[in-house]
Amino acid sequence: QVQLVESGGGLVQAGGSLRLSCAASGRTFRGGYPMGWFRQAPGKEREFVAAITWSGDKLWYGDSVKGRFTISRDNAKNTMYLQMNSVIPEDTAVYSCAATQRYSGTYTLARGYDYWGQGTQVTVSS
């Protein structure tokens, strides 16, 4: 099994910053595959935020966060990060990290992942 645990969420004022972390572990967790971040606001569908390959040589971002959020990972720690800058109230959501142990080729879509964390709440006040 693969376990994903997010941390770093909280309440932040508009224009501020937060850094989310996602720690991966588990008996069957193997490196070498992309990971991603998604978010879901109340009453809205799950939205792709960002994804990163194992080596970090390829990054994907959702249109609503481009230029403000940065995804990264530290493979030695099996941890992925999401640096959120210039946050706006529309960024308020539960942020979840996702992992896969296969090459799905669809890393901007939820169906490209097999494992999900429980999520961390991010609330941006205006």
N, C-alpha and C. Protein backbone atom coordinates (compact mmCIF):
# COMPACT_ATOMS: atom_id res chain seq x y z
N GLN A 1 0.82 -1.19 0.00
CA GLN A 1 0.00 0.00 0.00
C GLN A 1 0.86 1.25 0.00
N VAL A 2 0.26 2.34 -0.45
CA VAL A 2 0.92 3.65 -0.48
C VAL A 2 0.10 4.61 0.37
N GLN A 3 0.78 5.29 1.27
CA GLN A 3 0.12 6.31 2.09
C GLN A 3 0.65 7.69 1.73
N LEU A 4 -0.26 8.63 1.65
CA LEU A 4 0.08 10.02 1.35
C LEU A 4 -0.49 10.89 2.46
N VAL A 5 0.35 11.73 3.03
CA VAL A 5 -0.09 12.60 4.13
C VAL A 5 0.27 14.04 3.79
N GLU A 6 -0.76 14.87 3.68
CA GLU A 6 -0.54 16.28 3.42
C GLU A 6 -0.42 17.07 4.72
N SER A 7 0.29 18.17 4.65
CA SER A 7 0.41 19.08 5.78
C SER A 7 0.67 20.49 5.24
N GLY A 8 0.51 21.47 6.12
CA GLY A 8 0.83 22.84 5.75
C GLY A 8 -0.35 23.73 5.45
N GLY A 9 -1.54 23.17 5.45
CA GLY A 9 -2.71 23.99 5.19
C GLY A 9 -3.01 24.91 6.36
N GLY A 10 -3.97 25.82 6.15
CA GLY A 10 -4.35 26.73 7.21
C GLY A 10 -5.06 27.95 6.67
N LEU A 11 -5.13 28.96 7.50
CA LEU A 11 -5.78 30.22 7.15
C LEU A 11 -4.72 31.24 6.77
N VAL A 12 -4.90 31.89 5.64
CA VAL A 12 -3.95 32.89 5.17
C VAL A 12 -4.71 34.04 4.55
N GLN A 13 -4.16 35.23 4.67
CA GLN A 13 -4.79 36.40 4.06
C GLN A 13 -4.49 36.45 2.56
N ALA A 14 -5.39 37.06 1.83
CA ALA A 14 -5.17 37.24 0.41
C ALA A 14 -3.85 37.98 0.19
N GLY A 15 -3.10 37.50 -0.78
CA GLY A 15 -1.80 38.06 -1.07
C GLY A 15 -0.66 37.37 -0.35
N GLY A 16 -1.00 36.52 0.60
CA GLY A 16 0.01 35.82 1.38
C GLY A 16 0.48 34.54 0.72
N SER A 17 1.23 33.74 1.49
CA SER A 17 1.83 32.51 0.98
C SER A 17 1.64 31.35 1.94
N LEU A 18 1.64 30.16 1.38
CA LEU A 18 1.60 28.92 2.14
C LEU A 18 2.44 27.90 1.40
N ARG A 19 3.00 26.94 2.13
CA ARG A 19 3.66 25.82 1.48
C ARG A 19 3.06 24.52 1.99
N LEU A 20 2.52 23.77 1.07
CA LEU A 20 1.97 22.46 1.40
C LEU A 20 3.01 21.38 1.16
N SER A 21 2.93 20.34 1.97
CA SER A 21 3.81 19.18 1.81
C SER A 21 2.98 17.92 1.67
N CYS A 22 3.52 16.95 0.98
CA CYS A 22 2.88 15.65 0.83
C CYS A 22 3.96 14.58 1.00
N ALA A 23 3.86 13.83 2.09
CA ALA A 23 4.84 12.79 2.37
C ALA A 23 4.29 11.44 1.94
N ALA A 24 5.05 10.73 1.14
CA ALA A 24 4.65 9.41 0.65
C ALA A 24 5.38 8.32 1.41
N SER A 25 4.67 7.24 1.69
CA SER A 25 5.29 6.11 2.38
C SER A 25 4.49 4.86 2.07
N GLY A 26 4.97 3.74 2.58
CA GLY A 26 4.23 2.50 2.39
C GLY A 26 5.11 1.39 1.88
N ARG A 27 4.70 0.19 2.17
CA ARG A 27 5.50 -0.97 1.83
C ARG A 27 5.71 -1.11 0.33
N THR A 28 4.71 -0.69 -0.44
CA THR A 28 4.80 -0.88 -1.89
C THR A 28 5.13 0.39 -2.64
N PHE A 29 5.42 1.46 -1.91
CA PHE A 29 5.72 2.72 -2.60
C PHE A 29 7.07 2.61 -3.29
N ARG A 30 7.05 2.95 -4.57
CA ARG A 30 8.27 2.96 -5.36
C ARG A 30 8.40 4.31 -6.03
N GLY A 31 9.58 4.84 -6.06
CA GLY A 31 9.81 6.10 -6.74
C GLY A 31 9.82 5.90 -8.25
N GLY A 32 9.98 7.02 -8.96
CA GLY A 32 10.09 6.95 -10.40
C GLY A 32 8.87 7.43 -11.15
N TYR A 33 7.84 7.83 -10.44
CA TYR A 33 6.59 8.19 -11.09
C TYR A 33 6.16 9.62 -10.73
N PRO A 34 5.33 10.23 -11.58
CA PRO A 34 4.84 11.58 -11.28
C PRO A 34 3.93 11.60 -10.06
N MET A 35 3.80 12.79 -9.51
CA MET A 35 2.84 13.05 -8.45
C MET A 35 2.15 14.36 -8.76
N GLY A 36 1.00 14.58 -8.11
CA GLY A 36 0.25 15.78 -8.42
C GLY A 36 -0.53 16.32 -7.24
N TRP A 37 -1.01 17.53 -7.42
CA TRP A 37 -1.90 18.20 -6.46
C TRP A 37 -3.23 18.51 -7.14
N PHE A 38 -4.30 18.28 -6.41
CA PHE A 38 -5.64 18.65 -6.85
C PHE A 38 -6.31 19.41 -5.71
N ARG A 39 -7.37 20.10 -6.02
CA ARG A 39 -8.11 20.80 -4.98
C ARG A 39 -9.61 20.72 -5.26
N GLN A 40 -10.37 20.84 -4.19
CA GLN A 40 -11.82 20.83 -4.34
C GLN A 40 -12.44 21.81 -3.37
N ALA A 41 -13.15 22.77 -3.91
CA ALA A 41 -13.87 23.75 -3.10
C ALA A 41 -15.29 23.26 -2.89
N PRO A 42 -15.95 23.74 -1.84
CA PRO A 42 -17.33 23.31 -1.57
C PRO A 42 -18.25 23.57 -2.76
N GLY A 43 -18.99 22.55 -3.14
CA GLY A 43 -19.94 22.70 -4.24
C GLY A 43 -19.33 22.71 -5.62
N LYS A 44 -18.02 22.48 -5.70
CA LYS A 44 -17.34 22.49 -7.01
C LYS A 44 -16.69 21.15 -7.27
N GLU A 45 -16.37 20.92 -8.54
CA GLU A 45 -15.70 19.68 -8.91
C GLU A 45 -14.22 19.76 -8.54
N ARG A 46 -13.62 18.58 -8.45
CA ARG A 46 -12.18 18.53 -8.20
C ARG A 46 -11.44 19.20 -9.35
N GLU A 47 -10.42 19.96 -9.01
CA GLU A 47 -9.68 20.75 -10.00
C GLU A 47 -8.20 20.40 -9.95
N PHE A 48 -7.60 20.21 -11.11
CA PHE A 48 -6.17 19.97 -11.19
C PHE A 48 -5.41 21.24 -10.82
N VAL A 49 -4.36 21.07 -10.01
CA VAL A 49 -3.55 22.22 -9.61
C VAL A 49 -2.16 22.15 -10.25
N ALA A 50 -1.45 21.05 -10.01
CA ALA A 50 -0.09 20.94 -10.52
C ALA A 50 0.36 19.50 -10.47
N ALA A 51 1.36 19.17 -11.31
CA ALA A 51 1.94 17.83 -11.30
C ALA A 51 3.41 17.94 -11.67
N ILE A 52 4.17 16.90 -11.28
CA ILE A 52 5.61 16.93 -11.49
C ILE A 52 6.10 15.52 -11.76
N THR A 53 7.03 15.38 -12.69
CA THR A 53 7.64 14.09 -12.94
C THR A 53 8.62 13.75 -11.83
N TRP A 54 9.07 12.47 -11.83
CA TRP A 54 10.01 12.03 -10.79
C TRP A 54 11.28 12.90 -10.78
N SER A 55 11.81 13.18 -11.94
CA SER A 55 13.05 13.94 -12.01
C SER A 55 12.82 15.44 -11.89
N GLY A 56 11.58 15.85 -11.99
CA GLY A 56 11.29 17.28 -11.95
C GLY A 56 11.53 17.99 -13.25
N ASP A 57 11.79 17.22 -14.31
CA ASP A 57 12.12 17.87 -15.58
C ASP A 57 10.87 18.34 -16.32
N LYS A 58 9.72 17.89 -15.87
CA LYS A 58 8.48 18.33 -16.50
C LYS A 58 7.46 18.69 -15.44
N LEU A 59 6.87 19.86 -15.60
CA LEU A 59 5.88 20.36 -14.65
C LEU A 59 4.61 20.72 -15.42
N TRP A 60 3.49 20.53 -14.75
CA TRP A 60 2.21 20.94 -15.32
C TRP A 60 1.48 21.80 -14.27
N TYR A 61 0.78 22.82 -14.74
CA TYR A 61 0.01 23.68 -13.84
C TYR A 61 -1.37 23.94 -14.42
N GLY A 62 -2.35 24.03 -13.52
CA GLY A 62 -3.66 24.46 -13.94
C GLY A 62 -3.62 25.94 -14.28
N ASP A 63 -4.48 26.36 -15.17
CA ASP A 63 -4.48 27.74 -15.64
C ASP A 63 -4.69 28.74 -14.50
N SER A 64 -5.48 28.37 -13.52
CA SER A 64 -5.83 29.31 -12.46
C SER A 64 -4.69 29.55 -11.47
N VAL A 65 -3.64 28.73 -11.51
CA VAL A 65 -2.54 28.89 -10.55
C VAL A 65 -1.21 29.20 -11.22
N LYS A 66 -1.16 29.20 -12.52
CA LYS A 66 0.09 29.48 -13.24
C LYS A 66 0.65 30.84 -12.85
N GLY A 67 1.95 30.85 -12.56
CA GLY A 67 2.60 32.09 -12.19
C GLY A 67 2.52 32.41 -10.72
N ARG A 68 1.69 31.66 -9.97
CA ARG A 68 1.54 31.92 -8.53
C ARG A 68 1.99 30.73 -7.69
N PHE A 69 1.75 29.53 -8.17
CA PHE A 69 2.10 28.32 -7.43
C PHE A 69 3.30 27.64 -8.08
N THR A 70 4.09 26.96 -7.24
CA THR A 70 5.25 26.22 -7.73
C THR A 70 5.28 24.84 -7.09
N ILE A 71 5.36 23.83 -7.92
CA ILE A 71 5.44 22.45 -7.43
C ILE A 71 6.89 21.99 -7.44
N SER A 72 7.26 21.19 -6.45
CA SER A 72 8.61 20.64 -6.39
C SER A 72 8.57 19.34 -5.61
N ARG A 73 9.67 18.63 -5.59
CA ARG A 73 9.72 17.39 -4.82
C ARG A 73 11.15 17.12 -4.37
N ASP A 74 11.27 16.40 -3.25
CA ASP A 74 12.55 15.95 -2.72
C ASP A 74 12.46 14.43 -2.65
N ASN A 75 13.02 13.77 -3.64
CA ASN A 75 12.88 12.31 -3.73
C ASN A 75 13.59 11.58 -2.60
N ALA A 76 14.62 12.17 -2.06
CA ALA A 76 15.31 11.54 -0.93
C ALA A 76 14.41 11.45 0.29
N LYS A 77 13.46 12.37 0.36
CA LYS A 77 12.51 12.39 1.49
C LYS A 77 11.14 11.87 1.08
N ASN A 78 10.99 11.45 -0.18
CA ASN A 78 9.67 11.01 -0.67
C ASN A 78 8.60 12.05 -0.39
N THR A 79 8.94 13.29 -0.61
CA THR A 79 8.03 14.39 -0.27
C THR A 79 7.89 15.33 -1.46
N MET A 80 6.65 15.76 -1.67
CA MET A 80 6.33 16.73 -2.71
C MET A 80 5.82 18.00 -2.04
N TYR A 81 6.04 19.12 -2.69
CA TYR A 81 5.66 20.40 -2.11
C TYR A 81 4.81 21.22 -3.10
N LEU A 82 4.05 22.13 -2.54
CA LEU A 82 3.34 23.11 -3.36
C LEU A 82 3.50 24.46 -2.69
N GLN A 83 4.31 25.31 -3.28
CA GLN A 83 4.48 26.67 -2.79
C GLN A 83 3.40 27.54 -3.40
N MET A 84 2.58 28.12 -2.53
CA MET A 84 1.46 28.93 -2.97
C MET A 84 1.74 30.39 -2.64
N ASN A 85 1.89 31.21 -3.64
CA ASN A 85 2.15 32.64 -3.45
C ASN A 85 1.00 33.47 -4.01
N SER A 86 0.88 34.69 -3.54
CA SER A 86 -0.16 35.61 -4.03
C SER A 86 -1.52 34.93 -4.03
N VAL A 87 -1.85 34.28 -2.95
CA VAL A 87 -3.11 33.54 -2.89
C VAL A 87 -4.29 34.52 -2.93
N ILE A 88 -5.38 34.02 -3.46
CA ILE A 88 -6.62 34.76 -3.57
C ILE A 88 -7.74 33.95 -2.93
N PRO A 89 -8.87 34.58 -2.58
CA PRO A 89 -9.96 33.83 -1.94
C PRO A 89 -10.42 32.63 -2.76
N GLU A 90 -10.31 32.71 -4.06
CA GLU A 90 -10.73 31.59 -4.92
C GLU A 90 -9.83 30.36 -4.77
N ASP A 91 -8.70 30.52 -4.09
CA ASP A 91 -7.83 29.37 -3.84
C ASP A 91 -8.31 28.55 -2.64
N THR A 92 -9.32 29.01 -1.94
CA THR A 92 -9.85 28.29 -0.80
C THR A 92 -10.41 26.95 -1.24
N ALA A 93 -9.89 25.88 -0.64
CA ALA A 93 -10.30 24.53 -1.02
C ALA A 93 -9.58 23.52 -0.13
N VAL A 94 -9.98 22.27 -0.25
CA VAL A 94 -9.21 21.17 0.31
C VAL A 94 -8.21 20.72 -0.75
N TYR A 95 -6.95 20.73 -0.40
CA TYR A 95 -5.89 20.35 -1.33
C TYR A 95 -5.45 18.93 -1.03
N SER A 96 -5.43 18.11 -2.07
CA SER A 96 -5.05 16.71 -1.93
C SER A 96 -3.90 16.38 -2.85
N CYS A 97 -2.99 15.55 -2.35
CA CYS A 97 -1.92 15.09 -3.23
C CYS A 97 -2.27 13.71 -3.77
N ALA A 98 -1.69 13.39 -4.90
CA ALA A 98 -1.99 12.14 -5.58
C ALA A 98 -0.72 11.52 -6.11
N ALA A 99 -0.69 10.20 -6.12
CA ALA A 99 0.48 9.47 -6.61
C ALA A 99 0.03 8.30 -7.47
N THR A 100 0.94 7.85 -8.28
CA THR A 100 0.68 6.68 -9.11
C THR A 100 1.92 5.81 -9.13
N GLN A 101 1.72 4.55 -9.41
CA GLN A 101 2.83 3.61 -9.55
C GLN A 101 2.83 3.03 -10.96
N ARG A 102 2.37 3.85 -11.90
CA ARG A 102 2.35 3.43 -13.31
C ARG A 102 2.49 4.67 -14.18
N TYR A 103 2.79 4.46 -15.43
CA TYR A 103 2.88 5.58 -16.36
C TYR A 103 1.54 5.71 -17.08
N SER A 104 0.66 6.53 -16.50
CA SER A 104 -0.67 6.67 -17.05
C SER A 104 -0.72 7.64 -18.22
N GLY A 105 0.19 8.59 -18.24
CA GLY A 105 0.21 9.59 -19.30
C GLY A 105 -0.84 10.66 -19.15
N THR A 106 -1.61 10.65 -18.06
CA THR A 106 -2.69 11.62 -17.88
C THR A 106 -2.54 12.28 -16.52
N TYR A 107 -1.46 12.96 -16.30
CA TYR A 107 -1.14 13.46 -14.96
C TYR A 107 -1.85 14.75 -14.61
N THR A 108 -2.61 15.32 -15.52
CA THR A 108 -3.44 16.48 -15.21
C THR A 108 -4.88 16.07 -14.93
N LEU A 109 -5.13 14.79 -14.96
CA LEU A 109 -6.47 14.27 -14.69
C LEU A 109 -6.45 13.35 -13.49
N ALA A 110 -7.53 13.34 -12.73
CA ALA A 110 -7.57 12.51 -11.52
C ALA A 110 -7.42 11.02 -11.85
N ARG A 111 -7.90 10.61 -13.01
CA ARG A 111 -7.84 9.19 -13.36
C ARG A 111 -6.41 8.73 -13.63
N GLY A 112 -5.47 9.65 -13.68
CA GLY A 112 -4.08 9.28 -13.88
C GLY A 112 -3.38 8.84 -12.60
N TYR A 113 -4.10 8.88 -11.48
CA TYR A 113 -3.51 8.57 -10.18
C TYR A 113 -4.28 7.46 -9.49
N ASP A 114 -3.57 6.74 -8.64
CA ASP A 114 -4.15 5.60 -7.95
C ASP A 114 -4.25 5.80 -6.44
N TYR A 115 -3.49 6.72 -5.90
CA TYR A 115 -3.44 6.91 -4.46
C TYR A 115 -3.65 8.38 -4.13
N TRP A 116 -4.40 8.60 -3.06
CA TRP A 116 -4.77 9.96 -2.67
C TRP A 116 -4.58 10.16 -1.18
N GLY A 117 -4.16 11.38 -0.82
CA GLY A 117 -4.13 11.73 0.58
C GLY A 117 -5.51 12.17 1.04
N GLN A 118 -5.62 12.42 2.33
CA GLN A 118 -6.92 12.81 2.89
C GLN A 118 -7.21 14.29 2.69
N GLY A 119 -6.18 15.06 2.37
CA GLY A 119 -6.38 16.46 2.07
C GLY A 119 -6.07 17.38 3.24
N THR A 120 -5.75 18.61 2.90
CA THR A 120 -5.50 19.64 3.90
C THR A 120 -6.26 20.90 3.48
N GLN A 121 -6.91 21.53 4.44
CA GLN A 121 -7.76 22.68 4.14
C GLN A 121 -6.91 23.94 4.01
N VAL A 122 -7.16 24.68 2.96
CA VAL A 122 -6.55 25.99 2.77
C VAL A 122 -7.69 27.00 2.68
N THR A 123 -7.63 28.00 3.54
CA THR A 123 -8.66 29.04 3.54
C THR A 123 -7.98 30.39 3.36
N VAL A 124 -8.41 31.13 2.35
CA VAL A 124 -7.84 32.44 2.06
C VAL A 124 -8.89 33.50 2.38
N SER A 125 -8.53 34.38 3.31
CA SER A 125 -9.46 35.43 3.69
C SER A 125 -9.19 36.70 2.88
N SER A 126 -10.26 37.42 2.60
CA SER A 126 -10.12 38.65 1.79
C SER A 126 -9.88 39.87 2.66
